[in-house]
Amino acid sequence: MKKYFVVIFFMNLVLQSLTQKTTTVTDLNLSWQFRQSDASTWMPAVVPGCVHTDLIANKVIAHPFYGTSEADC
């Protein structure tokens, strides 16, 4: 009986260790940057956001809703 208790106890420990989930927290208030994969210059980014709004803010592309800017991009 004692032998079975020990086996069940260790099986329970193994199952608990396999089912534990870890959580990673990332602070979004940090200064974020992005760059083109083959470029060396980093530009500031805003999170949450997208690359298009960051490109507009960094004056790399014109706002797509002005004139023909969407076709030019």
PDB file of N, CA and C in Angstrom:
ATOM      1  N   MET A   1       0.819  -1.192   0.000  1.00  0.00           N
ATOM      2  CA  MET A   1       0.000   0.000   0.000  1.00  0.00           C
ATOM      3  C   MET A   1       0.864   1.258   0.000  1.00  0.00           C
ATOM      4  N   LYS A   2       1.918   1.244   0.816  1.00  0.00           N
ATOM      5  CA  LYS A   2       2.819   2.386   0.906  1.00  0.00           C
ATOM      6  C   LYS A   2       3.528   2.620  -0.428  1.00  0.00           C
ATOM      7  N   LYS A   3       3.868   1.541  -1.111  1.00  0.00           N
ATOM      8  CA  LYS A   3       4.549   1.626  -2.398  1.00  0.00           C
ATOM      9  C   LYS A   3       3.657   2.320  -3.431  1.00  0.00           C
ATOM     10  N   TYR A   4       2.369   1.992  -3.456  1.00  0.00           N
ATOM     11  CA  TYR A   4       1.449   2.618  -4.404  1.00  0.00           C
ATOM     12  C   TYR A   4       1.258   4.100  -4.104  1.00  0.00           C
ATOM     13  N   PHE A   5       1.221   4.436  -2.824  1.00  0.00           N
ATOM     14  CA  PHE A   5       1.086   5.833  -2.431  1.00  0.00           C
ATOM     15  C   PHE A   5       2.267   6.652  -2.942  1.00  0.00           C
ATOM     16  N   VAL A   6       3.463   6.123  -2.817  1.00  0.00           N
ATOM     17  CA  VAL A   6       4.671   6.820  -3.282  1.00  0.00           C
ATOM     18  C   VAL A   6       4.631   6.988  -4.797  1.00  0.00           C
ATOM     19  N   VAL A   7       4.226   5.959  -5.513  1.00  0.00           N
ATOM     20  CA  VAL A   7       4.149   6.033  -6.980  1.00  0.00           C
ATOM     21  C   VAL A   7       3.112   7.065  -7.398  1.00  0.00           C
ATOM     22  N   ILE A   8       1.956   7.054  -6.780  1.00  0.00           N
ATOM     23  CA  ILE A   8       0.906   8.016  -7.120  1.00  0.00           C
ATOM     24  C   ILE A   8       1.351   9.434  -6.777  1.00  0.00           C
ATOM     25  N   PHE A   9       2.029   9.601  -5.656  1.00  0.00           N
ATOM     26  CA  PHE A   9       2.524  10.906  -5.266  1.00  0.00           C
ATOM     27  C   PHE A   9       3.489  11.468  -6.311  1.00  0.00           C
ATOM     28  N   PHE A  10       4.439  10.675  -6.772  1.00  0.00           N
ATOM     29  CA  PHE A  10       5.405  11.138  -7.773  1.00  0.00           C
ATOM     30  C   PHE A  10       4.754  11.346  -9.137  1.00  0.00           C
ATOM     31  N   MET A  11       3.781  10.532  -9.481  1.00  0.00           N
ATOM     32  CA  MET A  11       3.055  10.747 -10.740  1.00  0.00           C
ATOM     33  C   MET A  11       2.305  12.080 -10.690  1.00  0.00           C
ATOM     34  N   ASN A  12       1.735  12.391  -9.539  1.00  0.00           N
ATOM     35  CA  ASN A  12       1.044  13.655  -9.373  1.00  0.00           C
ATOM     36  C   ASN A  12       2.017  14.829  -9.518  1.00  0.00           C
ATOM     37  N   LEU A  13       3.199  14.727  -8.956  1.00  0.00           N
ATOM     38  CA  LEU A  13       4.207  15.786  -9.092  1.00  0.00           C
ATOM     39  C   LEU A  13       4.606  15.990 -10.550  1.00  0.00           C
ATOM     40  N   VAL A  14       4.788  14.898 -11.260  1.00  0.00           N
ATOM     41  CA  VAL A  14       5.163  14.981 -12.681  1.00  0.00           C
ATOM     42  C   VAL A  14       4.045  15.639 -13.480  1.00  0.00           C
ATOM     43  N   LEU A  15       2.819  15.241 -13.249  1.00  0.00           N
ATOM     44  CA  LEU A  15       1.694  15.844 -13.980  1.00  0.00           C
ATOM     45  C   LEU A  15       1.541  17.323 -13.669  1.00  0.00           C
ATOM     46  N   GLN A  16       1.743  17.715 -12.434  1.00  0.00           N
ATOM     47  CA  GLN A  16       1.666  19.134 -12.083  1.00  0.00           C
ATOM     48  C   GLN A  16       2.758  19.939 -12.766  1.00  0.00           C
ATOM     49  N   SER A  17       3.951  19.412 -12.841  1.00  0.00           N
ATOM     50  CA  SER A  17       5.047  20.145 -13.483  1.00  0.00           C
ATOM     51  C   SER A  17       4.835  20.260 -14.985  1.00  0.00           C
ATOM     52  N   LEU A  18       4.166  19.266 -15.593  1.00  0.00           N
ATOM     53  CA  LEU A  18       3.916  19.320 -17.031  1.00  0.00           C
ATOM     54  C   LEU A  18       2.777  20.268 -17.393  1.00  0.00           C
ATOM     55  N   THR A  19       1.853  20.480 -16.483  1.00  0.00           N
ATOM     56  CA  THR A  19       0.697  21.312 -16.792  1.00  0.00           C
ATOM     57  C   THR A  19       0.838  22.749 -16.315  1.00  0.00           C
ATOM     58  N   GLN A  20       1.911  23.094 -15.634  1.00  0.00           N
ATOM     59  CA  GLN A  20       2.089  24.473 -15.183  1.00  0.00           C
ATOM     60  C   GLN A  20       2.391  25.364 -16.379  1.00  0.00           C
ATOM     61  N   LYS A  21       1.737  26.513 -16.418  1.00  0.00           N
ATOM     62  CA  LYS A  21       1.934  27.458 -17.505  1.00  0.00           C
ATOM     63  C   LYS A  21       2.738  28.647 -16.997  1.00  0.00           C
ATOM     64  N   THR A  22       3.626  29.140 -17.844  1.00  0.00           N
ATOM     65  CA  THR A  22       4.398  30.322 -17.492  1.00  0.00           C
ATOM     66  C   THR A  22       3.834  31.521 -18.241  1.00  0.00           C
ATOM     67  N   THR A  23       3.902  32.672 -17.633  1.00  0.00           N
ATOM     68  CA  THR A  23       3.393  33.895 -18.222  1.00  0.00           C
ATOM     69  C   THR A  23       4.537  34.873 -18.392  1.00  0.00           C
ATOM     70  N   THR A  24       4.615  35.470 -19.576  1.00  0.00           N
ATOM     71  CA  THR A  24       5.611  36.487 -19.851  1.00  0.00           C
ATOM     72  C   THR A  24       4.898  37.826 -20.002  1.00  0.00           C
ATOM     73  N   VAL A  25       5.373  38.826 -19.298  1.00  0.00           N
ATOM     74  CA  VAL A  25       4.777  40.159 -19.361  1.00  0.00           C
ATOM     75  C   VAL A  25       5.772  41.097 -20.037  1.00  0.00           C
ATOM     76  N   THR A  26       5.305  41.829 -21.046  1.00  0.00           N
ATOM     77  CA  THR A  26       6.142  42.802 -21.749  1.00  0.00           C
ATOM     78  C   THR A  26       5.530  44.183 -21.585  1.00  0.00           C
ATOM     79  N   ASP A  27       6.307  45.124 -21.104  1.00  0.00           N
ATOM     80  CA  ASP A  27       5.839  46.488 -20.915  1.00  0.00           C
ATOM     81  C   ASP A  27       5.764  47.186 -22.268  1.00  0.00           C
ATOM     82  N   LEU A  28       4.567  47.641 -22.648  1.00  0.00           N
ATOM     83  CA  LEU A  28       4.396  48.300 -23.941  1.00  0.00           C
ATOM     84  C   LEU A  28       4.750  49.780 -23.892  1.00  0.00           C
ATOM     85  N   ASN A  29       5.069  50.298 -22.720  1.00  0.00           N
ATOM     86  CA  ASN A  29       5.406  51.711 -22.582  1.00  0.00           C
ATOM     87  C   ASN A  29       6.886  51.997 -22.805  1.00  0.00           C
ATOM     88  N   LEU A  30       7.615  51.038 -23.300  1.00  0.00           N
ATOM     89  CA  LEU A  30       9.037  51.233 -23.582  1.00  0.00           C
ATOM     90  C   LEU A  30       9.205  51.972 -24.896  1.00  0.00           C
ATOM     91  N   SER A  31      10.415  52.376 -25.207  1.00  0.00           N
ATOM     92  CA  SER A  31      10.658  53.018 -26.498  1.00  0.00           C
ATOM     93  C   SER A  31      10.919  51.919 -27.527  1.00  0.00           C
ATOM     94  N   TRP A  32      10.014  51.783 -28.469  1.00  0.00           N
ATOM     95  CA  TRP A  32      10.093  50.757 -29.500  1.00  0.00           C
ATOM     96  C   TRP A  32      10.709  51.339 -30.754  1.00  0.00           C
ATOM     97  N   GLN A  33      11.396  50.483 -31.513  1.00  0.00           N
ATOM     98  CA  GLN A  33      12.014  50.897 -32.769  1.00  0.00           C
ATOM     99  C   GLN A  33      11.784  49.820 -33.817  1.00  0.00           C
ATOM    100  N   PHE A  34      11.874  50.227 -35.079  1.00  0.00           N
ATOM    101  CA  PHE A  34      11.778  49.274 -36.181  1.00  0.00           C
ATOM    102  C   PHE A  34      12.727  49.697 -37.283  1.00  0.00           C
ATOM    103  N   ARG A  35      13.002  48.747 -38.176  1.00  0.00           N
ATOM    104  CA  ARG A  35      13.849  49.059 -39.335  1.00  0.00           C
ATOM    105  C   ARG A  35      13.541  48.064 -40.434  1.00  0.00           C
ATOM    106  N   GLN A  36      13.940  48.414 -41.622  1.00  0.00           N
ATOM    107  CA  GLN A  36      13.845  47.484 -42.742  1.00  0.00           C
ATOM    108  C   GLN A  36      14.897  46.410 -42.526  1.00  0.00           C
ATOM    109  N   SER A  37      14.609  45.184 -42.921  1.00  0.00           N
ATOM    110  CA  SER A  37      15.501  44.068 -42.596  1.00  0.00           C
ATOM    111  C   SER A  37      16.912  44.231 -43.156  1.00  0.00           C
ATOM    112  N   ASP A  38      17.065  44.895 -44.286  1.00  0.00           N
ATOM    113  CA  ASP A  38      18.406  45.049 -44.862  1.00  0.00           C
ATOM    114  C   ASP A  38      19.001  46.445 -44.614  1.00  0.00           C
ATOM    115  N   ALA A  39      18.371  47.224 -43.731  1.00  0.00           N
ATOM    116  CA  ALA A  39      18.864  48.574 -43.422  1.00  0.00           C
ATOM    117  C   ALA A  39      19.491  48.585 -42.029  1.00  0.00           C
ATOM    118  N   SER A  40      20.291  49.610 -41.780  1.00  0.00           N
ATOM    119  CA  SER A  40      20.929  49.712 -40.466  1.00  0.00           C
ATOM    120  C   SER A  40      20.315  50.811 -39.608  1.00  0.00           C
ATOM    121  N   THR A  41      19.472  51.652 -40.200  1.00  0.00           N
ATOM    122  CA  THR A  41      18.877  52.767 -39.478  1.00  0.00           C
ATOM    123  C   THR A  41      17.581  52.342 -38.787  1.00  0.00           C
ATOM    124  N   TRP A  42      17.519  52.568 -37.475  1.00  0.00           N
ATOM    125  CA  TRP A  42      16.325  52.274 -36.694  1.00  0.00           C
ATOM    126  C   TRP A  42      15.483  53.532 -36.581  1.00  0.00           C
ATOM    127  N   MET A  43      14.154  53.391 -36.621  1.00  0.00           N
ATOM    128  CA  MET A  43      13.232  54.508 -36.482  1.00  0.00           C
ATOM    129  C   MET A  43      12.314  54.253 -35.293  1.00  0.00           C
ATOM    130  N   PRO A  44      11.857  55.320 -34.622  1.00  0.00           N
ATOM    131  CA  PRO A  44      10.957  55.128 -33.490  1.00  0.00           C
ATOM    132  C   PRO A  44       9.599  54.589 -33.935  1.00  0.00           C
ATOM    133  N   ALA A  45       8.987  53.803 -33.073  1.00  0.00           N
ATOM    134  CA  ALA A  45       7.680  53.208 -33.352  1.00  0.00           C
ATOM    135  C   ALA A  45       6.771  53.391 -32.147  1.00  0.00           C
ATOM    136  N   VAL A  46       5.474  53.304 -32.390  1.00  0.00           N
ATOM    137  CA  VAL A  46       4.477  53.413 -31.337  1.00  0.00           C
ATOM    138  C   VAL A  46       3.771  52.067 -31.205  1.00  0.00           C
ATOM    139  N   VAL A  47       3.664  51.583 -29.965  1.00  0.00           N
ATOM    140  CA  VAL A  47       2.973  50.322 -29.703  1.00  0.00           C
ATOM    141  C   VAL A  47       1.837  50.615 -28.743  1.00  0.00           C
ATOM    142  N   PRO A  48       0.596  50.221 -29.018  1.00  0.00           N
ATOM    143  CA  PRO A  48       0.174  49.471 -30.191  1.00  0.00           C
ATOM    144  C   PRO A  48       0.112  50.376 -31.415  1.00  0.00           C
ATOM    145  N   GLY A  49       0.291  49.798 -32.543  1.00  0.00           N
ATOM    146  CA  GLY A  49       0.289  50.515 -33.806  1.00  0.00           C
ATOM    147  C   GLY A  49       0.630  49.573 -34.930  1.00  0.00           C
ATOM    148  N   CYS A  50       0.938  50.139 -36.078  1.00  0.00           N
ATOM    149  CA  CYS A  50       1.343  49.308 -37.216  1.00  0.00           C
ATOM    150  C   CYS A  50       2.471  50.017 -37.961  1.00  0.00           C
ATOM    151  N   VAL A  51       3.105  49.288 -38.828  1.00  0.00           N
ATOM    152  CA  VAL A  51       4.270  49.831 -39.532  1.00  0.00           C
ATOM    153  C   VAL A  51       3.871  51.007 -40.428  1.00  0.00           C
ATOM    154  N   HIS A  52       2.658  51.000 -40.957  1.00  0.00           N
ATOM    155  CA  HIS A  52       2.247  52.079 -41.855  1.00  0.00           C
ATOM    156  C   HIS A  52       2.112  53.410 -41.108  1.00  0.00           C
ATOM    157  N   THR A  53       1.521  53.396 -39.922  1.00  0.00           N
ATOM    158  CA  THR A  53       1.414  54.641 -39.160  1.00  0.00           C
ATOM    159  C   THR A  53       2.784  55.108 -38.684  1.00  0.00           C
ATOM    160  N   ASP A  54       3.684  54.172 -38.406  1.00  0.00           N
ATOM    161  CA  ASP A  54       5.046  54.560 -38.016  1.00  0.00           C
ATOM    162  C   ASP A  54       5.812  55.140 -39.197  1.00  0.00           C
ATOM    163  N   LEU A  55       5.620  54.590 -40.391  1.00  0.00           N
ATOM    164  CA  LEU A  55       6.267  55.151 -41.585  1.00  0.00           C
ATOM    165  C   LEU A  55       5.748  56.549 -41.883  1.00  0.00           C
ATOM    166  N   ILE A  56       4.449  56.775 -41.688  1.00  0.00           N
ATOM    167  CA  ILE A  56       3.880  58.110 -41.886  1.00  0.00           C
ATOM    168  C   ILE A  56       4.446  59.072 -40.847  1.00  0.00           C
ATOM    169  N   ALA A  57       4.502  58.667 -39.592  1.00  0.00           N
ATOM    170  CA  ALA A  57       5.013  59.536 -38.527  1.00  0.00           C
ATOM    171  C   ALA A  57       6.481  59.886 -38.731  1.00  0.00           C
ATOM    172  N   ASN A  58       7.248  58.964 -39.318  1.00  0.00           N
ATOM    173  CA  ASN A  58       8.666  59.213 -39.580  1.00  0.00           C
ATOM    174  C   ASN A  58       8.905  59.851 -40.945  1.00  0.00           C
ATOM    175  N   LYS A  59       7.822  60.241 -41.620  1.00  0.00           N
ATOM    176  CA  LYS A  59       7.874  60.915 -42.926  1.00  0.00           C
ATOM    177  C   LYS A  59       8.615  60.111 -43.995  1.00  0.00           C
ATOM    178  N   VAL A  60       8.487  58.792 -43.914  1.00  0.00           N
ATOM    179  CA  VAL A  60       9.067  57.933 -44.949  1.00  0.00           C
ATOM    180  C   VAL A  60       8.088  57.798 -46.102  1.00  0.00           C
ATOM    181  N   ILE A  61       6.795  57.728 -45.781  1.00  0.00           N
ATOM    182  CA  ILE A  61       5.751  57.705 -46.805  1.00  0.00           C
ATOM    183  C   ILE A  61       4.757  58.808 -46.494  1.00  0.00           C
ATOM    184  N   ALA A  62       4.045  59.262 -47.530  1.00  0.00           N
ATOM    185  CA  ALA A  62       3.000  60.266 -47.337  1.00  0.00           C
ATOM    186  C   ALA A  62       1.728  59.568 -46.856  1.00  0.00           C
ATOM    187  N   HIS A  63       0.850  60.332 -46.229  1.00  0.00           N
ATOM    188  CA  HIS A  63      -0.415  59.762 -45.774  1.00  0.00           C
ATOM    189  C   HIS A  63      -1.193  59.259 -46.988  1.00  0.00           C
ATOM    190  N   PRO A  64      -1.659  58.014 -46.979  1.00  0.00           N
ATOM    191  CA  PRO A  64      -2.279  57.431 -48.176  1.00  0.00           C
ATOM    192  C   PRO A  64      -3.607  58.057 -48.577  1.00  0.00           C
ATOM    193  N   PHE A  65      -4.240  58.847 -47.712  1.00  0.00           N
ATOM    194  CA  PHE A  65      -5.539  59.415 -48.057  1.00  0.00           C
ATOM    195  C   PHE A  65      -5.430  60.797 -48.668  1.00  0.00           C
ATOM    196  N   TYR A  66      -4.217  61.294 -48.906  1.00  0.00           N
ATOM    197  CA  TYR A  66      -4.016  62.581 -49.563  1.00  0.00           C
ATOM    198  C   TYR A  66      -3.645  62.350 -51.028  1.00  0.00           C
ATOM    199  N   GLY A  67      -4.417  62.951 -51.902  1.00  0.00           N
ATOM    200  CA  GLY A  67      -4.103  62.886 -53.329  1.00  0.00           C
ATOM    201  C   GLY A  67      -3.909  61.468 -53.832  1.00  0.00           C
ATOM    202  N   THR A  68      -2.796  61.238 -54.528  1.00  0.00           N
ATOM    203  CA  THR A  68      -2.509  59.909 -55.082  1.00  0.00           C
ATOM    204  C   THR A  68      -1.451  59.181 -54.255  1.00  0.00           C
ATOM    205  N   SER A  69      -1.306  59.553 -53.000  1.00  0.00           N
ATOM    206  CA  SER A  69      -0.262  58.991 -52.156  1.00  0.00           C
ATOM    207  C   SER A  69      -0.390  57.477 -52.006  1.00  0.00           C
ATOM    208  N   GLU A  70      -1.628  56.969 -51.982  1.00  0.00           N
ATOM    209  CA  GLU A  70      -1.789  55.508 -51.837  1.00  0.00           C
ATOM    210  C   GLU A  70      -1.198  54.784 -53.040  1.00  0.00           C
ATOM    211  N   ALA A  71      -1.392  55.287 -54.226  1.00  0.00           N
ATOM    212  CA  ALA A  71      -0.839  54.657 -55.429  1.00  0.00           C
ATOM    213  C   ALA A  71       0.675  54.803 -55.463  1.00  0.00           C
ATOM    214  N   ASP A  72       1.195  55.896 -54.916  1.00  0.00           N
ATOM    215  CA  ASP A  72       2.632  56.129 -54.922  1.00  0.00           C
ATOM    216  C   ASP A  72       3.372  55.193 -53.969  1.00  0.00           C
ATOM    217  N   CYS A  73       2.679  54.762 -52.911  1.00  0.00           N
ATOM    218  CA  CYS A  73       3.316  53.862 -51.938  1.00  0.00           C
ATOM    219  C   CYS A  73       3.497  52.493 -52.554  1.00  0.00           C
TER     220      CYS A  73
END
